[in-house]
Each structure stands twice: as C-alpha cells, then as structure tokens.
C-alpha atoms as a PDB file:
ATOM      1  CA  MET A   1       0.030  -0.037   0.021  1.00  0.00           C
ATOM      2  CA  ALA A   2       1.324   3.467  -1.000  1.00  0.00           C
ATOM      3  CA  LEU A   3       2.482   5.642   1.893  1.00  0.00           C
ATOM      4  CA  TRP A   4       0.080   8.450   0.917  1.00  0.00           C
ATOM      5  CA  THR A   5      -2.759   6.008   1.245  1.00  0.00           C
ATOM      6  CA  LEU A   6      -1.598   5.084   4.794  1.00  0.00           C
ATOM      7  CA  PHE A   7      -1.140   8.766   5.703  1.00  0.00           C
ATOM      8  CA  GLY A   8      -4.756   9.406   4.485  1.00  0.00           C
ATOM      9  CA  LEU A   9      -6.240   6.591   6.474  1.00  0.00           C
ATOM     10  CA  ALA A  10      -4.391   7.626   9.569  1.00  0.00           C
ATOM     11  CA  SER A  11      -5.354  11.317   9.197  1.00  0.00           C
ATOM     12  CA  GLY A  12      -9.039  10.621   8.741  1.00  0.00           C
ATOM     13  CA  LYS A  13     -11.651  12.727   7.002  1.00  0.00           C
ATOM     14  CA  ALA A  14     -10.573  16.266   6.247  1.00  0.00           C
ATOM     15  CA  THR A  15     -13.807  17.650   4.978  1.00  0.00           C
ATOM     16  CA  THR A  16     -15.800  19.895   7.328  1.00  0.00           C
ATOM     17  CA  SER A  17     -19.341  18.981   8.373  1.00  0.00           C
ATOM     18  CA  TRP A  18     -20.419  22.578   8.021  1.00  0.00           C
ATOM     19  CA  PRO A  19     -22.921  23.746   7.035  1.00  0.00           C
ATOM     20  CA  ARG A  20     -24.745  20.752   8.388  1.00  0.00           C
ATOM     21  CA  GLU A  21     -23.086  21.472  11.770  1.00  0.00           C
ATOM     22  CA  ALA A  22     -22.542  25.104  12.881  1.00  0.00           C
ATOM     23  CA  GLY A  23     -19.165  26.432  13.931  1.00  0.00           C
ATOM     24  CA  LYS A  24     -17.029  24.621  11.496  1.00  0.00           C
ATOM     25  CA  ASP A  25     -16.937  27.070   8.624  1.00  0.00           C
ATOM     26  CA  GLY A  26     -13.214  27.619   8.816  1.00  0.00           C
ATOM     27  CA  GLN A  27     -13.597  31.368   9.383  1.00  0.00           C
ATOM     28  CA  ASP A  28     -12.647  31.677  13.001  1.00  0.00           C
ATOM     29  CA  GLY A  29     -11.043  35.111  13.643  1.00  0.00           C
ATOM     30  CA  VAL A  30     -11.756  36.420  10.152  1.00  0.00           C
ATOM     31  CA  LEU A  31     -13.053  39.985   9.929  1.00  0.00           C
ATOM     32  CA  GLY A  32     -16.233  40.667   7.983  1.00  0.00           C
ATOM     33  CA  MET A  33     -18.076  43.725   7.025  1.00  0.00           C
ATOM     34  CA  PRO A  34     -17.845  46.721   9.390  1.00  0.00           C
ATOM     35  CA  ARG A  35     -20.975  46.944  11.635  1.00  0.00           C
ATOM     36  CA  TYR A  36     -22.691  50.335  11.565  1.00  0.00           C
ATOM     37  CA  ASN A  37     -24.235  51.506  14.891  1.00  0.00           C
ATOM     38  CA  PRO A  38     -25.963  54.859  14.108  1.00  0.00           C
ATOM     39  CA  ASP A  39     -26.893  55.463  17.725  1.00  0.00           C
ATOM     40  CA  ALA A  40     -23.139  55.881  18.499  1.00  0.00           C
ATOM     41  CA  CYS A  41     -22.493  58.174  15.619  1.00  0.00           C
ATOM     42  CA  GLN A  42     -21.273  61.598  16.467  1.00  0.00           C
ATOM     43  CA  GLU A  43     -23.071  64.518  14.895  1.00  0.00           C
ATOM     44  CA  GLY A  44     -21.047  66.327  12.353  1.00  0.00           C
ATOM     45  CA  CYS A  45     -18.301  63.648  12.221  1.00  0.00           C
ATOM     46  CA  GLU A  46     -17.695  62.395   8.669  1.00  0.00           C
ATOM     47  CA  GLU A  47     -14.237  60.759   9.141  1.00  0.00           C
ATOM     48  CA  CYS A  48     -15.345  57.381   8.085  1.00  0.00           C
ATOM     49  CA  ALA A  49     -16.908  58.800   4.880  1.00  0.00           C
ATOM     50  CA  ALA A  50     -13.774  60.835   4.121  1.00  0.00           C
ATOM     51  CA  VAL A  51     -11.492  57.791   4.462  1.00  0.00           C
ATOM     52  CA  CYS A  52     -13.644  55.241   2.584  1.00  0.00           C
ATOM     53  CA  PRO A  53     -11.839  54.506  -0.823  1.00  0.00           C
ATOM     54  CA  THR A  54     -14.989  53.322  -2.630  1.00  0.00           C
ATOM     55  CA  GLN A  55     -17.672  55.671  -1.361  1.00  0.00           C
ATOM     56  CA  ALA A  56     -19.391  52.779   0.506  1.00  0.00           C
ATOM     57  CA  ILE A  57     -19.971  55.395   3.240  1.00  0.00           C
ATOM     58  CA  GLU A  58     -21.379  58.826   2.342  1.00  0.00           C
ATOM     59  CA  ALA A  59     -22.494  61.769   4.443  1.00  0.00           C
ATOM     60  CA  ARG A  60     -25.889  62.921   3.356  1.00  0.00           C
ATOM     61  CA  GLU A  61     -27.824  65.563   5.119  1.00  0.00           C
ATOM     62  CA  GLY A  62     -26.139  65.046   8.431  1.00  0.00           C
ATOM     63  CA  ALA A  63     -26.560  61.243   8.298  1.00  0.00           C
ATOM     64  CA  LEU A  64     -24.476  58.422   6.904  1.00  0.00           C
ATOM     65  CA  ALA A  65     -25.505  56.271   3.959  1.00  0.00           C
ATOM     66  CA  VAL A  66     -23.835  52.892   4.084  1.00  0.00           C
ATOM     67  CA  ASP A  67     -23.662  50.640   1.008  1.00  0.00           C
ATOM     68  CA  TYR A  68     -22.114  47.252   1.601  1.00  0.00           C
ATOM     69  CA  GLY A  69     -22.243  46.598  -2.049  1.00  0.00           C
ATOM     70  CA  ARG A  70     -19.352  48.974  -2.352  1.00  0.00           C
ATOM     71  CA  CYS A  71     -17.411  47.875   0.725  1.00  0.00           C
ATOM     72  CA  ILE A  72     -13.939  46.253   0.259  1.00  0.00           C
ATOM     73  CA  VAL A  73     -13.672  45.313   3.933  1.00  0.00           C
ATOM     74  CA  CYS A  74     -10.528  47.497   4.372  1.00  0.00           C
ATOM     75  CA  GLN A  75     -11.534  48.333   7.953  1.00  0.00           C
ATOM     76  CA  LEU A  76     -10.301  51.965   7.422  1.00  0.00           C
ATOM     77  CA  CYS A  77     -13.665  53.266   8.705  1.00  0.00           C
ATOM     78  CA  THR A  78     -13.376  51.295  12.013  1.00  0.00           C
ATOM     79  CA  GLU A  79      -9.873  52.603  12.557  1.00  0.00           C
ATOM     80  CA  VAL A  80     -10.747  56.312  12.248  1.00  0.00           C
ATOM     81  CA  CYS A  81     -14.163  56.266  13.909  1.00  0.00           C
ATOM     82  CA  PRO A  82     -13.852  57.907  17.297  1.00  0.00           C
ATOM     83  CA  THR A  83     -17.037  56.552  18.825  1.00  0.00           C
ATOM     84  CA  GLY A  84     -17.529  52.846  17.723  1.00  0.00           C
ATOM     85  CA  ALA A  85     -20.232  53.780  15.225  1.00  0.00           C
ATOM     86  CA  MET A  86     -18.295  51.760  12.737  1.00  0.00           C
ATOM     87  CA  GLU A  87     -16.876  48.740  14.436  1.00  0.00           C
ATOM     88  CA  SER A  88     -15.198  45.477  13.320  1.00  0.00           C
ATOM     89  CA  SER A  89     -17.254  42.408  13.149  1.00  0.00           C
ATOM     90  CA  ALA A  90     -17.351  38.838  11.995  1.00  0.00           C
ATOM     91  CA  ASP A  91     -20.336  39.439   9.583  1.00  0.00           C
ATOM     92  CA  TRP A  92     -19.066  37.875   6.438  1.00  0.00           C
ATOM     93  CA  ALA A  93     -22.217  36.044   5.114  1.00  0.00           C
ATOM     94  CA  PHE A  94     -23.464  38.944   2.968  1.00  0.00           C
ATOM     95  CA  GLY A  95     -25.075  37.120   0.094  1.00  0.00           C
ATOM     96  CA  VAL A  96     -28.439  38.746  -0.957  1.00  0.00           C
ATOM     97  CA  ARG A  97     -30.853  38.293  -3.803  1.00  0.00           C
ATOM     98  CA  ASP A  98     -31.787  41.928  -3.985  1.00  0.00           C
ATOM     99  CA  ARG A  99     -29.146  44.673  -4.457  1.00  0.00           C
ATOM    100  CA  THR A 100     -31.138  47.045  -2.086  1.00  0.00           C
ATOM    101  CA  ASP A 101     -30.533  44.614   0.778  1.00  0.00           C
ATOM    102  CA  LEU A 102     -26.842  45.623   0.836  1.00  0.00           C
ATOM    103  CA  VAL A 103     -27.799  49.163   1.630  1.00  0.00           C
ATOM    104  CA  TRP A 104     -28.139  49.868   5.269  1.00  0.00           C
ATOM    105  CA  SER A 105     -31.650  50.539   6.640  1.00  0.00           C
ATOM    106  CA  ASP A 106     -32.730  51.191  10.221  1.00  0.00           C
ATOM    107  CA  SER A 107     -35.497  48.687   9.817  1.00  0.00           C
ATOM    108  CA  GLY A 108     -33.594  46.116   7.862  1.00  0.00           C
ATOM    109  CA  ALA A 109     -32.806  43.255  10.204  1.00  0.00           C
ATOM    110  CA  ARG A 110     -36.315  43.256  11.717  1.00  0.00           C
ATOM    111  CA  ASN A 111     -38.004  42.440   8.355  1.00  0.00           C
ATOM    112  CA  PRO A 112     -38.283  38.890   7.252  1.00  0.00           C
ATOM    113  CA  VAL A 113     -36.426  37.803   4.122  1.00  0.00           C
ATOM    114  CA  ALA A 114     -38.612  36.322   1.348  1.00  0.00           C
ATOM    115  CA  SER A 115     -37.584  32.969  -0.058  1.00  0.00           C
ATOM    116  CA  HIS A 116     -36.747  32.433  -3.751  1.00  0.00           C
ATOM    117  CA  ALA A 117     -39.142  30.694  -5.929  1.00  0.00           C
ATOM    118  CA  ASP A 118     -38.620  26.893  -5.865  1.00  0.00           C
ATOM    119  CA  ARG A 119     -36.002  25.629  -8.231  1.00  0.00           C
ATOM    120  CA  ARG A 120     -36.730  22.080  -8.786  1.00  0.00           C
ATOM    121  CA  PRO A 121     -34.104  21.458 -11.557  1.00  0.00           C
ATOM    122  CA  PHE A 122     -31.448  22.024  -8.862  1.00  0.00           C
ATOM    123  CA  ARG A 123     -32.689  19.514  -6.368  1.00  0.00           C
ATOM    124  CA  ARG A 124     -29.970  17.244  -7.635  1.00  0.00           C
ATOM    125  CA  SER A 125     -27.106  19.468  -8.864  1.00  0.00           C
ATOM    126  CA  LEU A 126     -26.037  22.989  -9.874  1.00  0.00           C
ATOM    127  CA  HIS A 127     -23.461  23.605 -12.642  1.00  0.00           C
ATOM    128  CA  ILE A 128     -21.552  26.910 -12.597  1.00  0.00           C
ATOM    129  CA  ARG A 129     -19.613  28.649 -15.264  1.00  0.00           C
ATOM    130  CA  HIS A 130     -17.051  31.080 -13.874  1.00  0.00           C
ATOM    131  CA  VAL A 131     -15.944  34.075 -15.875  1.00  0.00           C
ATOM    132  CA  ASP A 132     -13.026  36.344 -14.643  1.00  0.00           C
ATOM    133  CA  ALA A 133     -14.097  39.723 -15.931  1.00  0.00           C
ATOM    134  CA  GLY A 134     -10.942  41.590 -14.879  1.00  0.00           C
ATOM    135  CA  SER A 135     -10.415  40.456 -11.375  1.00  0.00           C
ATOM    136  CA  CYS A 136      -7.203  40.877  -9.282  1.00  0.00           C
ATOM    137  CA  ASN A 137      -7.433  37.022  -8.807  1.00  0.00           C
ATOM    138  CA  GLY A 138      -8.287  37.530  -5.042  1.00  0.00           C
ATOM    139  CA  CYS A 139     -11.758  36.126  -5.739  1.00  0.00           C
ATOM    140  CA  GLU A 140     -10.349  33.312  -7.765  1.00  0.00           C
ATOM    141  CA  SER A 141      -8.035  32.266  -4.903  1.00  0.00           C
ATOM    142  CA  GLU A 142     -11.210  31.806  -2.711  1.00  0.00           C
ATOM    143  CA  LEU A 143     -13.099  30.002  -5.459  1.00  0.00           C
ATOM    144  CA  GLN A 144     -10.239  27.537  -5.796  1.00  0.00           C
ATOM    145  CA  ALA A 145     -10.482  26.763  -1.998  1.00  0.00           C
ATOM    146  CA  LEU A 146     -14.032  25.512  -2.546  1.00  0.00           C
ATOM    147  CA  ASN A 147     -12.774  22.420  -4.266  1.00  0.00           C
ATOM    148  CA  ASN A 148     -10.108  21.594  -1.612  1.00  0.00           C
ATOM    149  CA  PRO A 149     -10.585  18.717   0.790  1.00  0.00           C
ATOM    150  CA  TYR A 150     -11.819  20.945   3.586  1.00  0.00           C
ATOM    151  CA  TYR A 151     -14.719  22.589   1.844  1.00  0.00           C
ATOM    152  CA  ASN A 152     -15.306  19.860  -0.874  1.00  0.00           C
ATOM    153  CA  LEU A 153     -18.046  21.799  -2.857  1.00  0.00           C
ATOM    154  CA  HIS A 154     -18.935  18.718  -4.797  1.00  0.00           C
ATOM    155  CA  ARG A 155     -20.433  16.994  -1.818  1.00  0.00           C
ATOM    156  CA  LEU A 156     -23.254  19.534  -1.862  1.00  0.00           C
ATOM    157  CA  GLY A 157     -24.028  18.760  -5.591  1.00  0.00           C
ATOM    158  CA  ILE A 158     -22.460  22.012  -6.854  1.00  0.00           C
ATOM    159  CA  PHE A 159     -19.964  21.753  -9.731  1.00  0.00           C
ATOM    160  CA  PHE A 160     -17.958  24.129 -11.926  1.00  0.00           C
ATOM    161  CA  THR A 161     -18.206  23.510 -15.657  1.00  0.00           C
ATOM    162  CA  PRO A 162     -15.794  24.602 -18.380  1.00  0.00           C
ATOM    163  CA  SER A 163     -18.536  25.380 -20.779  1.00  0.00           C
ATOM    164  CA  PRO A 164     -21.319  27.862 -20.537  1.00  0.00           C
ATOM    165  CA  ARG A 165     -23.439  25.469 -22.600  1.00  0.00           C
ATOM    166  CA  PHE A 166     -23.742  23.142 -19.636  1.00  0.00           C
ATOM    167  CA  ALA A 167     -24.080  25.881 -16.968  1.00  0.00           C
ATOM    168  CA  ASP A 168     -27.160  26.967 -14.916  1.00  0.00           C
ATOM    169  CA  LEU A 169     -25.423  29.800 -13.143  1.00  0.00           C
ATOM    170  CA  LEU A 170     -22.896  32.346 -14.493  1.00  0.00           C
ATOM    171  CA  LEU A 171     -20.504  33.274 -11.660  1.00  0.00           C
ATOM    172  CA  VAL A 172     -18.756  36.558 -12.400  1.00  0.00           C
ATOM    173  CA  THR A 173     -15.758  38.101 -10.661  1.00  0.00           C
ATOM    174  CA  GLY A 174     -14.036  41.402 -11.479  1.00  0.00           C
ATOM    175  CA  PRO A 175     -15.400  44.867 -12.413  1.00  0.00           C
ATOM    176  CA  VAL A 176     -15.997  43.962 -16.046  1.00  0.00           C
ATOM    177  CA  THR A 177     -13.165  45.613 -17.990  1.00  0.00           C
ATOM    178  CA  SER A 178     -13.604  46.783 -21.508  1.00  0.00           C
ATOM    179  CA  ALA A 179     -11.688  43.809 -22.856  1.00  0.00           C
ATOM    180  CA  MET A 180     -13.807  41.372 -21.036  1.00  0.00           C
ATOM    181  CA  TYR A 181     -17.197  42.812 -21.973  1.00  0.00           C
ATOM    182  CA  GLU A 182     -17.782  40.952 -25.061  1.00  0.00           C
ATOM    183  CA  PRO A 183     -16.508  37.571 -23.814  1.00  0.00           C
ATOM    184  CA  LEU A 184     -18.692  37.936 -20.774  1.00  0.00           C
ATOM    185  CA  LYS A 185     -21.751  38.575 -22.940  1.00  0.00           C
ATOM    186  CA  ALA A 186     -20.807  35.709 -25.309  1.00  0.00           C
ATOM    187  CA  ALA A 187     -20.697  33.404 -22.217  1.00  0.00           C
ATOM    188  CA  TYR A 188     -24.052  34.482 -21.111  1.00  0.00           C
ATOM    189  CA  ASP A 189     -25.568  34.218 -24.444  1.00  0.00           C
ATOM    190  CA  ALA A 190     -24.248  30.661 -24.830  1.00  0.00           C
ATOM    191  CA  MET A 191     -26.006  29.469 -21.713  1.00  0.00           C
ATOM    192  CA  PRO A 192     -29.305  27.536 -22.049  1.00  0.00           C
ATOM    193  CA  GLU A 193     -32.477  28.923 -20.505  1.00  0.00           C
ATOM    194  CA  PRO A 194     -33.298  29.192 -17.672  1.00  0.00           C
ATOM    195  CA  ARG A 195     -30.090  30.902 -16.675  1.00  0.00           C
ATOM    196  CA  TRP A 196     -28.906  32.884 -13.656  1.00  0.00           C
ATOM    197  CA  VAL A 197     -26.125  35.241 -12.776  1.00  0.00           C
ATOM    198  CA  MET A 198     -24.169  35.627  -9.596  1.00  0.00           C
ATOM    199  CA  ALA A 199     -21.895  38.622  -8.825  1.00  0.00           C
ATOM    200  CA  VAL A 200     -19.022  37.564  -6.580  1.00  0.00           C
ATOM    201  CA  GLY A 201     -16.880  40.130  -4.972  1.00  0.00           C
ATOM    202  CA  THR A 202     -17.365  43.805  -4.635  1.00  0.00           C
ATOM    203  CA  CYS A 203     -15.839  44.536  -8.048  1.00  0.00           C
ATOM    204  CA  ALA A 204     -18.657  42.492  -9.716  1.00  0.00           C
ATOM    205  CA  VAL A 205     -21.332  44.006  -7.471  1.00  0.00           C
ATOM    206  CA  SER A 206     -20.397  47.628  -7.826  1.00  0.00           C
ATOM    207  CA  GLY A 207     -16.993  48.019  -9.507  1.00  0.00           C
ATOM    208  CA  GLY A 208     -14.985  48.048  -6.339  1.00  0.00           C
ATOM    209  CA  ILE A 209     -11.815  50.041  -5.932  1.00  0.00           C
ATOM    210  CA  ALA A 210     -11.432  50.288  -9.753  1.00  0.00           C
ATOM    211  CA  GLY A 211     -15.044  51.105 -10.645  1.00  0.00           C
ATOM    212  CA  GLY A 212     -15.697  53.785 -13.109  1.00  0.00           C
ATOM    213  CA  ASN A 213     -12.148  54.257 -14.368  1.00  0.00           C
ATOM    214  CA  TYR A 214     -11.058  54.535 -17.971  1.00  0.00           C
ATOM    215  CA  ALA A 215     -10.817  50.631 -18.289  1.00  0.00           C
ATOM    216  CA  CYS A 216     -14.110  49.400 -16.706  1.00  0.00           C
ATOM    217  CA  GLY A 217     -17.484  50.278 -15.501  1.00  0.00           C
ATOM    218  CA  HIS A 218     -19.283  49.499 -12.302  1.00  0.00           C
ATOM    219  CA  GLY A 219     -19.309  45.640 -12.210  1.00  0.00           C
ATOM    220  CA  LEU A 220     -22.362  43.927 -13.729  1.00  0.00           C
ATOM    221  CA  GLU A 221     -24.576  46.933 -13.230  1.00  0.00           C
ATOM    222  CA  GLY A 222     -26.469  47.584 -16.536  1.00  0.00           C
ATOM    223  CA  ILE A 223     -24.723  44.631 -18.152  1.00  0.00           C
ATOM    224  CA  LEU A 224     -26.394  41.498 -17.074  1.00  0.00           C
ATOM    225  CA  PRO A 225     -29.455  40.702 -14.916  1.00  0.00           C
ATOM    226  CA  VAL A 226     -28.036  39.684 -11.525  1.00  0.00           C
ATOM    227  CA  ASP A 227     -29.928  37.082  -9.365  1.00  0.00           C
ATOM    228  CA  LEU A 228     -27.362  36.975  -6.423  1.00  0.00           C
ATOM    229  CA  TYR A 229     -24.978  39.523  -5.035  1.00  0.00           C
ATOM    230  CA  LEU A 230     -22.072  38.723  -2.709  1.00  0.00           C
ATOM    231  CA  PRO A 231     -19.768  41.684  -1.872  1.00  0.00           C
ATOM    232  CA  GLY A 232     -16.321  41.166  -0.201  1.00  0.00           C
ATOM    233  CA  CYS A 233     -12.758  41.784  -1.177  1.00  0.00           C
ATOM    234  CA  PRO A 234     -12.691  38.898  -1.518  1.00  0.00           C
ATOM    235  CA  PRO A 235     -15.500  36.977  -0.051  1.00  0.00           C
ATOM    236  CA  ASN A 236     -14.319  33.912   1.842  1.00  0.00           C
ATOM    237  CA  PRO A 237     -15.052  30.418   0.691  1.00  0.00           C
ATOM    238  CA  ALA A 238     -17.663  29.880   3.354  1.00  0.00           C
ATOM    239  CA  ALA A 239     -19.421  33.079   2.151  1.00  0.00           C
ATOM    240  CA  ILE A 240     -19.504  31.786  -1.431  1.00  0.00           C
ATOM    241  CA  MET A 241     -20.646  28.448  -0.362  1.00  0.00           C
ATOM    242  CA  GLU A 242     -23.417  29.893   1.790  1.00  0.00           C
ATOM    243  CA  ALA A 243     -24.570  32.212  -0.964  1.00  0.00           C
ATOM    244  CA  LEU A 244     -24.822  29.380  -3.397  1.00  0.00           C
ATOM    245  CA  LEU A 245     -26.949  27.390  -0.916  1.00  0.00           C
ATOM    246  CA  MET A 246     -29.108  30.470  -0.318  1.00  0.00           C
ATOM    247  CA  PHE A 247     -29.570  30.616  -4.105  1.00  0.00           C
ATOM    248  CA  LEU A 248     -30.794  26.893  -3.972  1.00  0.00           C
ATOM    249  CA  ASP A 249     -33.079  27.712  -0.940  1.00  0.00           C
ATOM    250  CA  ARG A 250     -30.955  25.363   1.116  1.00  0.00           C
ATOM    251  CA  ALA A 251     -29.906  28.167   3.445  1.00  0.00           C
ATOM    252  CA  PRO A 252     -31.624  31.377   4.731  1.00  0.00           C
ATOM    253  CA  GLN A 253     -30.626  34.885   3.574  1.00  0.00           C
ATOM    254  CA  ARG A 254     -29.020  36.378   6.555  1.00  0.00           C
ATOM    255  CA  VAL A 255     -28.980  40.062   5.412  1.00  0.00           C
ATOM    256  CA  LYS A 256     -31.856  42.480   5.098  1.00  0.00           C
ATOM    257  CA  GLY A 257     -31.312  46.135   4.819  1.00  0.00           C
ATOM    258  CA  GLY A 258     -27.633  45.837   5.231  1.00  0.00           C
ATOM    259  CA  GLN A 259     -27.828  44.009   8.570  1.00  0.00           C
ATOM    260  CA  ILE A 260     -27.227  40.535   9.701  1.00  0.00           C
ATOM    261  CA  GLY A 261     -30.339  39.103  11.032  1.00  0.00           C
ATOM    262  CA  GLY A 262     -29.378  35.610  12.177  1.00  0.00           C
END
C-alpha cells in the first residue's frame, strides 16, 4: 500500500461537516463587514466617509449612507471612527438576492427575508460557469479553495463546468473591464434557458476600488441581470458556499437592509 494511502487513513476525513453542523466554517477570527451603529454616531463627524476609498460610506444631510455593495472590507472606517459607530465584526455572510438589501436601513434586520421561488431543476445538482471579468485574482483564490478537501463543494451537488453550454449559473468576478465585456456577454448568451447570474466580490457587484475608471464600469450593473450578489474583497469560501446554498433555497438569507439578522 502506498505511503500516501496510509497517511490518509491515519489522518481521517478532512472535509468539514459545515454547514450541516454550525461553527466549523473555517472562518474563526476572520473579519467581515464593518458593523454600523448609528446611535453611536457623533453629529458632524464624517471621518469614516472621508477615508472610505469606494464611497461605501457617504455623508448625506447630516446622516451616513452605508452601502455594503461597495465595501472592500478594508477596515479603514473602523480605525478612524472615534465613537465605535463603525466597528469591526465577523459578519461575512453577506449574500443577498436583491441589491437594495446591501444598503443599510434602520428597519432592515427586523423584516423577514422572502424565499426564492422553488428551483426544482437544482434538487440534484447545480452547474456553474465562472468568468473572470478583470479580477485581481483574489476572488479566484477563494473560489479555488471551494474544491479543496476541507470545503469539498462537490459533496453539496455543486460543480464548476468549463463550458457555458452546460451551466445553470454564471458566476462573475471582477469589475468587467472593456476587454472582457464581449467575452462575458458571449458566455451568457451561450447558456441555455433558464439561466442565472451571480456577482461575486465587490468588483462584480459595484466596480470596487477600480469602478468607473477608464478601463471598466461598475461591475455587472447595467450589463447582465443579476440574481445573487455577494460583496467582499474577496468574499471567503464559506461566504461563497453559503450564498450558493441560499440561491438553492437550502440556506436562509441572513442580510436584510444591510444588517445581519441571524
């Protein structure tokens, strides 16, 4: 018997039991989206808005407007905030079906999140075609981790396919550069109906740090109809996995109005 076989038998199963069992998502100690506490906000203080590199935080009529779809999780706002109105958190599961749910609302977390319509074709499997539309490869690094022994995405019946002709879901990363606009549209057009689109990473959701420059627009906005949004720079493997399960109605959407509700 080969030594690697003996080593594998001695080491035991490497795959996590998450999400079936809580607390084993591999993200212990990982910082997520900054948490906004408006009651602690100091009147006239706009330091977090001034330091935010993507305008995820803007001062409007004496109040802050927070859009997590623009957040790159740099934590600069938490470092300059003098009152704790913007504080670090472990809120990384920010997958949503509606773009407006990434915008902070004072009534957001108290409202129930509606479930997607039943998708019976995916009771057995989901096939994904990934298109890198100008990413820095940060999101790609996290996507690759989904197929490692720890996360083992295949056990959930979710697979990546090399051809859009066999794909149900188009997963897009990057801000959609001018050079990738036509290849992205071609991949989408080659997919059979019904077809869905997922924006992974802040770049794909809103353009991220590069959004609106000479080489790209603002992510998938106005280019393709998006069914699932997952901001982050980059979103971690567990966040991607949970968002995919949410798409399949096998996990609840945690975020409503920019707030984690459970």
